[in-house]
PDB file of N, CA and C in Angstrom:
ATOM      1  N   MET A   1      98.862 135.123  87.134  1.00  0.00           N
ATOM      2  CA  MET A   1      99.003 133.961  87.967  1.00  0.00           C
ATOM      3  C   MET A   1      99.229 132.747  87.059  1.00  0.00           C
ATOM      4  N   LEU A   2     100.067 131.853  87.479  1.00  0.00           N
ATOM      5  CA  LEU A   2     100.358 130.651  86.707  1.00  0.00           C
ATOM      6  C   LEU A   2      99.358 129.572  87.056  1.00  0.00           C
ATOM      7  N   GLU A   3      98.739 129.001  86.055  1.00  0.00           N
ATOM      8  CA  GLU A   3      97.790 127.918  86.261  1.00  0.00           C
ATOM      9  C   GLU A   3      98.135 126.772  85.335  1.00  0.00           C
ATOM     10  N   PRO A   4      98.235 125.537  85.883  1.00  0.00           N
ATOM     11  CA  PRO A   4      98.503 124.405  84.999  1.00  0.00           C
ATOM     12  C   PRO A   4      97.337 124.184  84.039  1.00  0.00           C
ATOM     13  N   VAL A   5      97.634 123.761  82.857  1.00  0.00           N
ATOM     14  CA  VAL A   5      96.606 123.433  81.879  1.00  0.00           C
ATOM     15  C   VAL A   5      96.403 121.932  81.956  1.00  0.00           C
ATOM     16  N   ARG A   6      95.219 121.513  82.326  1.00  0.00           N
ATOM     17  CA  ARG A   6      94.942 120.085  82.490  1.00  0.00           C
ATOM     18  C   ARG A   6      94.971 119.369  81.146  1.00  0.00           C
ATOM     19  N   ASP A   7      95.361 118.097  81.200  1.00  0.00           N
ATOM     20  CA  ASP A   7      95.402 117.210  80.034  1.00  0.00           C
ATOM     21  C   ASP A   7      96.427 117.632  78.989  1.00  0.00           C
ATOM     22  N   LEU A   8      97.356 118.493  79.324  1.00  0.00           N
ATOM     23  CA  LEU A   8      98.367 118.903  78.360  1.00  0.00           C
ATOM     24  C   LEU A   8      99.766 118.790  78.963  1.00  0.00           C
ATOM     25  N   SER A   9     100.003 117.735  79.739  1.00  0.00           N
ATOM     26  CA  SER A   9     101.319 117.604  80.341  1.00  0.00           C
ATOM     27  C   SER A   9     102.154 116.600  79.573  1.00  0.00           C
ATOM     28  N   TYR A  10     103.438 116.798  79.614  1.00  0.00           N
ATOM     29  CA  TYR A  10     104.384 115.937  78.923  1.00  0.00           C
ATOM     30  C   TYR A  10     105.364 115.372  79.929  1.00  0.00           C
ATOM     31  N   PRO A  11     106.034 114.270  79.605  1.00  0.00           N
ATOM     32  CA  PRO A  11     106.976 113.666  80.543  1.00  0.00           C
ATOM     33  C   PRO A  11     108.305 114.422  80.619  1.00  0.00           C
ATOM     34  N   THR A  12     108.268 115.726  80.738  1.00  0.00           N
ATOM     35  CA  THR A  12     109.490 116.516  80.844  1.00  0.00           C
ATOM     36  C   THR A  12     109.703 116.990  82.263  1.00  0.00           C
ATOM     37  N   GLY A  13     108.753 116.705  83.132  1.00  0.00           N
ATOM     38  CA  GLY A  13     108.823 117.242  84.476  1.00  0.00           C
ATOM     39  C   GLY A  13     108.116 118.583  84.576  1.00  0.00           C
ATOM     40  N   ARG A  14     107.712 119.139  83.466  1.00  0.00           N
ATOM     41  CA  ARG A  14     106.989 120.410  83.448  1.00  0.00           C
ATOM     42  C   ARG A  14     105.630 120.177  82.796  1.00  0.00           C
ATOM     43  N   THR A  15     104.676 120.960  83.210  1.00  0.00           N
ATOM     44  CA  THR A  15     103.351 120.875  82.614  1.00  0.00           C
ATOM     45  C   THR A  15     103.068 122.158  81.846  1.00  0.00           C
ATOM     46  N   SER A  16     102.088 122.103  80.980  1.00  0.00           N
ATOM     47  CA  SER A  16     101.663 123.312  80.272  1.00  0.00           C
ATOM     48  C   SER A  16     101.113 124.285  81.296  1.00  0.00           C
ATOM     49  N   MET A  17     101.381 125.557  81.092  1.00  0.00           N
ATOM     50  CA  MET A  17     100.953 126.575  82.047  1.00  0.00           C
ATOM     51  C   MET A  17     100.296 127.733  81.322  1.00  0.00           C
ATOM     52  N   ARG A  18      99.237 128.265  81.923  1.00  0.00           N
ATOM     53  CA  ARG A  18      98.622 129.489  81.411  1.00  0.00           C
ATOM     54  C   ARG A  18      99.373 130.664  81.994  1.00  0.00           C
ATOM     55  N   LEU A  19      99.741 131.584  81.137  1.00  0.00           N
ATOM     56  CA  LEU A  19     100.428 132.810  81.543  1.00  0.00           C
ATOM     57  C   LEU A  19      99.599 133.975  81.028  1.00  0.00           C
ATOM     58  N   GLY A  20      98.565 134.334  81.777  1.00  0.00           N
ATOM     59  CA  GLY A  20      97.652 135.367  81.303  1.00  0.00           C
ATOM     60  C   GLY A  20      96.887 134.854  80.102  1.00  0.00           C
ATOM     61  N   ALA A  21      96.981 135.545  78.967  1.00  0.00           N
ATOM     62  CA  ALA A  21      96.280 135.142  77.747  1.00  0.00           C
ATOM     63  C   ALA A  21      97.056 134.091  76.953  1.00  0.00           C
ATOM     64  N   TYR A  22      98.251 133.736  77.392  1.00  0.00           N
ATOM     65  CA  TYR A  22      99.108 132.802  76.671  1.00  0.00           C
ATOM     66  C   TYR A  22      99.138 131.439  77.356  1.00  0.00           C
ATOM     67  N   THR A  23      99.519 130.425  76.615  1.00  0.00           N
ATOM     68  CA  THR A  23      99.730 129.090  77.160  1.00  0.00           C
ATOM     69  C   THR A  23     101.128 128.637  76.780  1.00  0.00           C
ATOM     70  N   TYR A  24     101.898 128.222  77.772  1.00  0.00           N
ATOM     71  CA  TYR A  24     103.236 127.696  77.527  1.00  0.00           C
ATOM     72  C   TYR A  24     103.142 126.178  77.431  1.00  0.00           C
ATOM     73  N   MET A  25     103.641 125.633  76.341  1.00  0.00           N
ATOM     74  CA  MET A  25     103.639 124.186  76.115  1.00  0.00           C
ATOM     75  C   MET A  25     105.090 123.712  76.055  1.00  0.00           C
ATOM     76  N   PRO A  26     105.562 122.973  77.067  1.00  0.00           N
ATOM     77  CA  PRO A  26     106.935 122.480  77.004  1.00  0.00           C
ATOM     78  C   PRO A  26     107.066 121.423  75.917  1.00  0.00           C
ATOM     79  N   ALA A  27     108.255 121.267  75.406  1.00  0.00           N
ATOM     80  CA  ALA A  27     108.497 120.251  74.376  1.00  0.00           C
ATOM     81  C   ALA A  27     108.427 118.867  75.018  1.00  0.00           C
ATOM     82  N   PRO A  28     107.819 117.903  74.333  1.00  0.00           N
ATOM     83  CA  PRO A  28     107.806 116.528  74.852  1.00  0.00           C
ATOM     84  C   PRO A  28     109.228 115.993  74.940  1.00  0.00           C
ATOM     85  N   ALA A  29     109.498 115.193  75.960  1.00  0.00           N
ATOM     86  CA  ALA A  29     110.844 114.661  76.186  1.00  0.00           C
ATOM     87  C   ALA A  29     111.328 113.805  75.016  1.00  0.00           C
ATOM     88  N   HIS A  30     110.430 113.081  74.368  1.00  0.00           N
ATOM     89  CA  HIS A  30     110.842 112.163  73.302  1.00  0.00           C
ATOM     90  C   HIS A  30     111.196 112.878  71.996  1.00  0.00           C
ATOM     91  N   ARG A  31     111.062 114.193  71.947  1.00  0.00           N
ATOM     92  CA  ARG A  31     111.369 114.928  70.709  1.00  0.00           C
ATOM     93  C   ARG A  31     112.811 115.425  70.675  1.00  0.00           C
ATOM     94  N   GLY A  32     113.614 114.996  71.626  1.00  0.00           N
ATOM     95  CA  GLY A  32     115.024 115.370  71.610  1.00  0.00           C
ATOM     96  C   GLY A  32     115.248 116.833  71.935  1.00  0.00           C
ATOM     97  N   ALA A  33     115.864 117.551  71.031  1.00  0.00           N
ATOM     98  CA  ALA A  33     116.233 118.947  71.276  1.00  0.00           C
ATOM     99  C   ALA A  33     115.125 119.929  70.897  1.00  0.00           C
ATOM    100  N   ALA A  34     113.902 119.462  70.708  1.00  0.00           N
ATOM    101  CA  ALA A  34     112.803 120.356  70.334  1.00  0.00           C
ATOM    102  C   ALA A  34     112.543 121.361  71.450  1.00  0.00           C
ATOM    103  N   ASN A  35     112.058 122.520  71.078  1.00  0.00           N
ATOM    104  CA  ASN A  35     111.749 123.570  72.040  1.00  0.00           C
ATOM    105  C   ASN A  35     110.254 123.636  72.297  1.00  0.00           C
ATOM    106  N   GLY A  36     109.904 124.225  73.430  1.00  0.00           N
ATOM    107  CA  GLY A  36     108.509 124.430  73.748  1.00  0.00           C
ATOM    108  C   GLY A  36     107.932 125.571  72.921  1.00  0.00           C
ATOM    109  N   THR A  37     106.640 125.806  73.097  1.00  0.00           N
ATOM    110  CA  THR A  37     105.975 126.875  72.358  1.00  0.00           C
ATOM    111  C   THR A  37     105.152 127.738  73.303  1.00  0.00           C
ATOM    112  N   LEU A  38     104.909 128.952  72.887  1.00  0.00           N
ATOM    113  CA  LEU A  38     104.020 129.867  73.570  1.00  0.00           C
ATOM    114  C   LEU A  38     102.854 130.091  72.620  1.00  0.00           C
ATOM    115  N   MET A  39     101.625 129.843  73.102  1.00  0.00           N
ATOM    116  CA  MET A  39     100.449 129.886  72.232  1.00  0.00           C
ATOM    117  C   MET A  39      99.441 130.926  72.712  1.00  0.00           C
ATOM    118  N   ARG A  40      98.724 131.495  71.728  1.00  0.00           N
ATOM    119  CA  ARG A  40      97.618 132.408  72.016  1.00  0.00           C
ATOM    120  C   ARG A  40      96.710 132.443  70.793  1.00  0.00           C
ATOM    121  N   GLY A  41      95.432 132.235  71.022  1.00  0.00           N
ATOM    122  CA  GLY A  41      94.454 132.313  69.940  1.00  0.00           C
ATOM    123  C   GLY A  41      94.726 131.365  68.791  1.00  0.00           C
ATOM    124  N   GLY A  42      95.239 130.176  69.081  1.00  0.00           N
ATOM    125  CA  GLY A  42      95.503 129.203  68.031  1.00  0.00           C
ATOM    126  C   GLY A  42      96.820 129.407  67.296  1.00  0.00           C
ATOM    127  N   LEU A  43      97.521 130.484  67.585  1.00  0.00           N
ATOM    128  CA  LEU A  43      98.817 130.748  66.966  1.00  0.00           C
ATOM    129  C   LEU A  43      99.919 130.381  67.948  1.00  0.00           C
ATOM    130  N   SER A  44     101.012 129.841  67.447  1.00  0.00           N
ATOM    131  CA  SER A  44     102.097 129.464  68.350  1.00  0.00           C
ATOM    132  C   SER A  44     103.428 130.034  67.875  1.00  0.00           C
ATOM    133  N   VAL A  45     104.289 130.249  68.843  1.00  0.00           N
ATOM    134  CA  VAL A  45     105.651 130.719  68.584  1.00  0.00           C
ATOM    135  C   VAL A  45     106.589 129.738  69.266  1.00  0.00           C
ATOM    136  N   THR A  46     107.521 129.173  68.509  1.00  0.00           N
ATOM    137  CA  THR A  46     108.501 128.265  69.091  1.00  0.00           C
ATOM    138  C   THR A  46     109.526 129.066  69.875  1.00  0.00           C
ATOM    139  N   LEU A  47     109.737 128.650  71.117  1.00  0.00           N
ATOM    140  CA  LEU A  47     110.710 129.335  71.968  1.00  0.00           C
ATOM    141  C   LEU A  47     112.083 128.734  71.725  1.00  0.00           C
ATOM    142  N   GLU A  48     113.022 129.550  71.414  1.00  0.00           N
ATOM    143  CA  GLU A  48     114.372 129.056  71.161  1.00  0.00           C
ATOM    144  C   GLU A  48     115.313 129.553  72.247  1.00  0.00           C
ATOM    145  N   VAL A  49     115.651 130.811  72.218  1.00  0.00           N
ATOM    146  CA  VAL A  49     116.594 131.362  73.185  1.00  0.00           C
ATOM    147  C   VAL A  49     115.925 131.629  74.525  1.00  0.00           C
ATOM    148  N   THR A  50     114.655 132.016  74.517  1.00  0.00           N
ATOM    149  CA  THR A  50     113.992 132.474  75.740  1.00  0.00           C
ATOM    150  C   THR A  50     113.365 131.367  76.575  1.00  0.00           C
ATOM    151  N   GLU A  51     113.314 130.134  76.089  1.00  0.00           N
ATOM    152  CA  GLU A  51     112.612 129.092  76.839  1.00  0.00           C
ATOM    153  C   GLU A  51     113.231 128.844  78.213  1.00  0.00           C
ATOM    154  N   GLU A  52     114.532 128.763  78.299  1.00  0.00           N
ATOM    155  CA  GLU A  52     115.180 128.520  79.588  1.00  0.00           C
ATOM    156  C   GLU A  52     114.880 129.645  80.575  1.00  0.00           C
ATOM    157  N   ILE A  53     114.886 130.880  80.083  1.00  0.00           N
ATOM    158  CA  ILE A  53     114.574 132.028  80.935  1.00  0.00           C
ATOM    159  C   ILE A  53     113.121 131.954  81.400  1.00  0.00           C
ATOM    160  N   LEU A  54     112.209 131.602  80.501  1.00  0.00           N
ATOM    161  CA  LEU A  54     110.797 131.477  80.853  1.00  0.00           C
ATOM    162  C   LEU A  54     110.597 130.378  81.888  1.00  0.00           C
ATOM    163  N   GLN A  55     111.267 129.248  81.728  1.00  0.00           N
ATOM    164  CA  GLN A  55     111.141 128.165  82.695  1.00  0.00           C
ATOM    165  C   GLN A  55     111.655 128.591  84.066  1.00  0.00           C
ATOM    166  N   GLU A  56     112.780 129.285  84.115  1.00  0.00           N
ATOM    167  CA  GLU A  56     113.304 129.775  85.387  1.00  0.00           C
ATOM    168  C   GLU A  56     112.327 130.754  86.032  1.00  0.00           C
ATOM    169  N   PHE A  57     111.743 131.628  85.217  1.00  0.00           N
ATOM    170  CA  PHE A  57     110.762 132.585  85.728  1.00  0.00           C
ATOM    171  C   PHE A  57     109.545 131.858  86.300  1.00  0.00           C
ATOM    172  N   MET A  58     109.031 130.871  85.563  1.00  0.00           N
ATOM    173  CA  MET A  58     107.862 130.127  86.035  1.00  0.00           C
ATOM    174  C   MET A  58     108.176 129.362  87.314  1.00  0.00           C
ATOM    175  N   ASP A  59     109.361 128.775  87.407  1.00  0.00           N
ATOM    176  CA  ASP A  59     109.760 128.079  88.634  1.00  0.00           C
ATOM    177  C   ASP A  59     109.807 129.047  89.809  1.00  0.00           C
ATOM    178  N   SER A  60     110.354 130.236  89.582  1.00  0.00           N
ATOM    179  CA  SER A  60     110.440 131.244  90.647  1.00  0.00           C
ATOM    180  C   SER A  60     109.060 131.708  91.083  1.00  0.00           C
ATOM    181  N   VAL A  61     108.185 131.988  90.124  1.00  0.00           N
ATOM    182  CA  VAL A  61     106.829 132.440  90.457  1.00  0.00           C
ATOM    183  C   VAL A  61     106.059 131.331  91.173  1.00  0.00           C
ATOM    184  N   SER A  62     106.218 130.089  90.745  1.00  0.00           N
ATOM    185  CA  SER A  62     105.548 128.972  91.416  1.00  0.00           C
ATOM    186  C   SER A  62     106.021 128.835  92.857  1.00  0.00           C
ATOM    187  N   THR A  63     107.314 129.005  93.073  1.00  0.00           N
ATOM    188  CA  THR A  63     107.854 128.943  94.432  1.00  0.00           C
ATOM    189  C   THR A  63     107.288 130.072  95.280  1.00  0.00           C
ATOM    190  N   LEU A  64     107.238 131.272  94.712  1.00  0.00           N
ATOM    191  CA  LEU A  64     106.667 132.409  95.440  1.00  0.00           C
ATOM    192  C   LEU A  64     105.191 132.188  95.755  1.00  0.00           C
ATOM    193  N   GLU A  65     104.426 131.667  94.804  1.00  0.00           N
ATOM    194  CA  GLU A  65     103.005 131.395  95.034  1.00  0.00           C
ATOM    195  C   GLU A  65     102.818 130.372  96.145  1.00  0.00           C
ATOM    196  N   SER A  66     103.614 129.315  96.144  1.00  0.00           N
ATOM    197  CA  SER A  66     103.513 128.290  97.183  1.00  0.00           C
ATOM    198  C   SER A  66     103.837 128.871  98.557  1.00  0.00           C
ATOM    199  N   ASP A  67     104.894 129.662  98.616  1.00  0.00           N
ATOM    200  CA  ASP A  67     105.286 130.286  99.877  1.00  0.00           C
ATOM    201  C   ASP A  67     104.210 131.243 100.369  1.00  0.00           C
ATOM    202  N   LEU A  68     103.663 132.046  99.463  1.00  0.00           N
ATOM    203  CA  LEU A  68     102.612 132.984  99.832  1.00  0.00           C
ATOM    204  C   LEU A  68     101.370 132.243 100.317  1.00  0.00           C
ATOM    205  N   ALA A  69     100.984 131.172  99.645  1.00  0.00           N
ATOM    206  CA  ALA A  69      99.806 130.394 100.056  1.00  0.00           C
ATOM    207  C   ALA A  69     100.021 129.816 101.454  1.00  0.00           C
ATOM    208  N   ARG A  70     101.219 129.295 101.713  1.00  0.00           N
ATOM    209  CA  ARG A  70     101.520 128.729 103.026  1.00  0.00           C
ATOM    210  C   ARG A  70     101.444 129.813 104.100  1.00  0.00           C
ATOM    211  N   ARG A  71     102.008 130.978 103.816  1.00  0.00           N
ATOM    212  CA  ARG A  71     101.982 132.078 104.787  1.00  0.00           C
ATOM    213  C   ARG A  71     100.561 132.594 104.996  1.00  0.00           C
ATOM    214  N   TRP A  72      99.777 132.626 103.917  1.00  0.00           N
ATOM    215  CA  TRP A  72      98.401 133.115 104.003  1.00  0.00           C
ATOM    216  C   TRP A  72      97.579 132.225 104.936  1.00  0.00           C
ATOM    217  N   VAL A  73      97.718 130.912 104.769  1.00  0.00           N
ATOM    218  CA  VAL A  73      96.994 129.968 105.630  1.00  0.00           C
ATOM    219  C   VAL A  73      97.448 130.140 107.074  1.00  0.00           C
ATOM    220  N   ARG A  74      98.753 130.277 107.277  1.00  0.00           N
ATOM    221  CA  ARG A  74      99.286 130.455 108.633  1.00  0.00           C
ATOM    222  C   ARG A  74      98.750 131.748 109.247  1.00  0.00           C
ATOM    223  N   ALA A  75      98.676 132.837 108.480  1.00  0.00           N
ATOM    224  CA  ALA A  75      98.173 134.119 108.986  1.00  0.00           C
ATOM    225  C   ALA A  75      96.692 134.027 109.316  1.00  0.00           C
ATOM    226  N   GLU A  76      95.922 133.330 108.470  1.00  0.00           N
ATOM    227  CA  GLU A  76      94.485 133.179 108.759  1.00  0.00           C
ATOM    228  C   GLU A  76      94.268 132.327 109.996  1.00  0.00           C
ATOM    229  N   THR A  77      95.066 131.283 110.155  1.00  0.00           N
ATOM    230  CA  THR A  77      94.959 130.432 111.336  1.00  0.00           C
ATOM    231  C   THR A  77      95.276 131.244 112.583  1.00  0.00           C
ATOM    232  N   TRP A  78      96.320 132.058 112.525  1.00  0.00           N
ATOM    233  CA  TRP A  78      96.704 132.900 113.652  1.00  0.00           C
ATOM    234  C   TRP A  78      95.603 133.924 113.956  1.00  0.00           C
ATOM    235  N   SER A  79      95.018 134.492 112.896  1.00  0.00           N
ATOM    236  CA  SER A  79      93.965 135.487 113.051  1.00  0.00           C
ATOM    237  C   SER A  79      92.733 134.868 113.717  1.00  0.00           C
ATOM    238  N   CYS A  80      92.377 133.650 113.337  1.00  0.00           N
ATOM    239  CA  CYS A  80      91.216 132.976 113.935  1.00  0.00           C
ATOM    240  C   CYS A  80      91.464 132.690 115.406  1.00  0.00           C
ATOM    241  N   ARG A  81      92.671 132.282 115.751  1.00  0.00           N
ATOM    242  CA  ARG A  81      93.001 132.017 117.160  1.00  0.00           C
ATOM    243  C   ARG A  81      92.933 133.304 117.982  1.00  0.00           C
ATOM    244  N   SER A  82      93.383 134.409 117.393  1.00  0.00           N
ATOM    245  CA  SER A  82      93.384 135.685 118.122  1.00  0.00           C
ATOM    246  C   SER A  82      91.969 136.127 118.444  1.00  0.00           C
ATOM    247  N   ARG A  83      91.011 135.888 117.559  1.00  0.00           N
ATOM    248  CA  ARG A  83      89.618 136.277 117.807  1.00  0.00           C
ATOM    249  C   ARG A  83      89.002 135.457 118.912  1.00  0.00           C
ATOM    250  N   VAL A  84      89.380 134.180 119.015  1.00  0.00           N
ATOM    251  CA  VAL A  84      88.805 133.302 120.021  1.00  0.00           C
ATOM    252  C   VAL A  84      89.297 133.685 121.409  1.00  0.00           C
ATOM    253  N   GLU A  85      90.530 134.107 121.514  1.00  0.00           N
ATOM    254  CA  GLU A  85      91.113 134.436 122.817  1.00  0.00           C
ATOM    255  C   GLU A  85      90.595 135.696 123.383  1.00  0.00           C
TER     256      GLU A  85
END
């Protein structure tokens, strides 16, 4: 599950995200063409070719999570109404 990492956001429109045991850190906007990094246990790997793919994946998963959460609330609301009737 994707979880934002608090206090680690940059003005790029993206925030740092936990991806299981890893943390994705987008490059700060003011660094020009710098790439983001993937971190685990204090070690980091600069993302070069894969960063765009990772960002697209995270955007897709975030959209799916939002849609699922909305549907889940709607299903629970419907379920509660059905019990009352």
